[in-house]
Each structure stands twice: as C-alpha cells, then as structure tokens.
Protein backbone atom coordinates (compact mmCIF):
# COMPACT_ATOMS: atom_id res chain seq x y z
CA UNK A 1 29.66 -68.25 -93.78
CA UNK A 2 33.28 -67.21 -93.34
CA UNK A 3 34.22 -63.55 -93.36
CA UNK A 4 34.54 -63.60 -97.16
CA UNK A 5 31.41 -65.77 -97.55
CA UNK A 6 33.58 -68.49 -99.06
CA UNK A 7 33.10 -71.35 -96.59
CA UNK A 8 30.55 -72.73 -94.17
CA UNK A 9 31.68 -72.11 -90.58
CA UNK A 10 28.50 -72.88 -88.60
CA UNK A 11 25.66 -75.26 -89.37
CA UNK A 12 22.22 -76.09 -88.06
CA UNK A 13 21.28 -79.70 -87.35
CA UNK A 14 19.09 -79.65 -90.46
CA UNK A 15 21.87 -78.49 -92.80
CA UNK A 16 24.20 -81.12 -91.31
CA UNK A 17 21.64 -83.80 -92.16
CA UNK A 18 21.64 -82.55 -95.75
CA UNK A 19 25.36 -83.28 -95.95
CA UNK A 20 26.80 -79.78 -95.78
CA UNK A 21 30.20 -80.19 -94.13
CA UNK A 22 32.03 -77.75 -91.88
CA UNK A 23 34.42 -75.71 -94.01
CA UNK A 24 32.65 -76.67 -97.24
CA UNK A 25 33.16 -74.02 -99.93
CA UNK A 26 29.84 -72.30 -100.58
CA UNK A 27 30.07 -72.92 -104.33
CA UNK A 28 30.06 -76.68 -103.66
CA UNK A 29 26.70 -76.66 -101.87
CA UNK A 30 24.12 -78.32 -104.09
CA UNK A 31 21.81 -75.67 -105.63
CA UNK A 32 18.77 -77.62 -104.40
CA UNK A 33 20.08 -77.37 -100.82
CA UNK A 34 21.01 -73.70 -101.23
CA UNK A 35 17.39 -72.92 -102.10
CA UNK A 36 16.26 -74.57 -98.84
CA UNK A 37 18.54 -72.68 -96.48
CA UNK A 38 19.60 -69.20 -95.52
CA UNK A 39 23.30 -68.42 -95.80
CA UNK A 40 24.41 -65.59 -93.54
CA UNK A 41 27.63 -63.61 -93.58
CA UNK A 42 29.71 -63.58 -90.42
CA UNK A 43 30.15 -60.31 -88.57
CA UNK A 44 33.47 -60.46 -86.76
CA UNK A 45 33.28 -56.86 -85.49
CA UNK A 46 30.01 -57.70 -83.74
CA UNK A 47 31.32 -61.08 -82.49
CA UNK A 48 34.46 -59.41 -81.13
CA UNK A 49 32.43 -56.77 -79.32
CA UNK A 50 30.07 -59.36 -77.82
CA UNK A 51 33.04 -61.53 -76.81
CA UNK A 52 34.63 -58.58 -75.02
CA UNK A 53 31.37 -57.81 -73.20
CA UNK A 54 30.95 -61.40 -72.03
CA UNK A 55 34.59 -61.53 -70.89
CA UNK A 56 34.06 -58.31 -68.91
CA UNK A 57 31.07 -59.89 -67.15
CA UNK A 58 33.00 -63.09 -66.42
CA UNK A 59 35.87 -61.03 -64.99
CA UNK A 60 33.47 -59.50 -62.47
CA UNK A 61 33.06 -62.94 -60.90
CA UNK A 62 36.63 -64.27 -60.97
CA UNK A 63 40.02 -62.80 -61.81
CA UNK A 64 40.95 -66.13 -63.39
CA UNK A 65 39.56 -65.87 -66.93
CA UNK A 66 41.54 -67.52 -69.71
CA UNK A 67 40.16 -66.45 -73.08
CA UNK A 68 40.65 -69.39 -75.44
CA UNK A 69 38.94 -67.99 -78.53
CA UNK A 70 36.29 -65.48 -79.55
CA UNK A 71 33.55 -67.74 -78.15
CA UNK A 72 35.30 -69.82 -75.51
CA UNK A 73 36.80 -68.99 -72.11
CA UNK A 74 37.92 -71.03 -69.15
CA UNK A 75 37.27 -69.83 -65.61
CA UNK A 76 38.77 -70.82 -62.30
CA UNK A 77 37.01 -70.04 -59.07
CA UNK A 78 39.80 -71.42 -56.91
CA UNK A 79 40.35 -69.05 -53.98
CA UNK A 80 37.23 -67.02 -54.80
CA UNK A 81 34.92 -66.73 -51.84
CA UNK A 82 31.22 -67.22 -52.37
CA UNK A 83 29.01 -64.25 -51.50
CA UNK A 84 26.56 -66.71 -50.00
CA UNK A 85 28.82 -68.11 -47.27
C-alpha cells in the first residue's frame, strides 16, 4: 500500500491474477479478494535507510553509482581495476 494506505503500489503474482491493478485505490478492491490477501503499509523510513545502506555498499566497489530511485541504481565499472587481475 502507499504511504497513506490509499493505493496498491506492489503486487504479488497471485494478486495480479485476481485483477488488482497497480495504483488501484484500496477501497476499490473487491471485498472477496481483500479477505484472501494481506495488505501491508509501506514504510518509507525503513526503505530509505535500506536504500542508503545498499548504496554505501555499491559505492565500495565503484565510484560511479547513479541512484535512480529508492530501489534502483546504475553502476559503471569503466576504469575500475579488478582485484583478481
């Protein structure tokens, strides 16, 4: 669920098959489907902290880290020497 529990922002394969769309307002989910699934609140403070930790680890391996979003980064290893050569 979104940070205000208003909309679906991540879905399992099973919930997709039941027709729950990305961004669907929670109040529009069929009550029968709601009883079959678990709706969880997002935790952006935790996600932000985990994102920062992962970025710190990535930065230990290349100085070329382009953070695209909270859960996506692009890395370039151009000019980085392998420790195994």
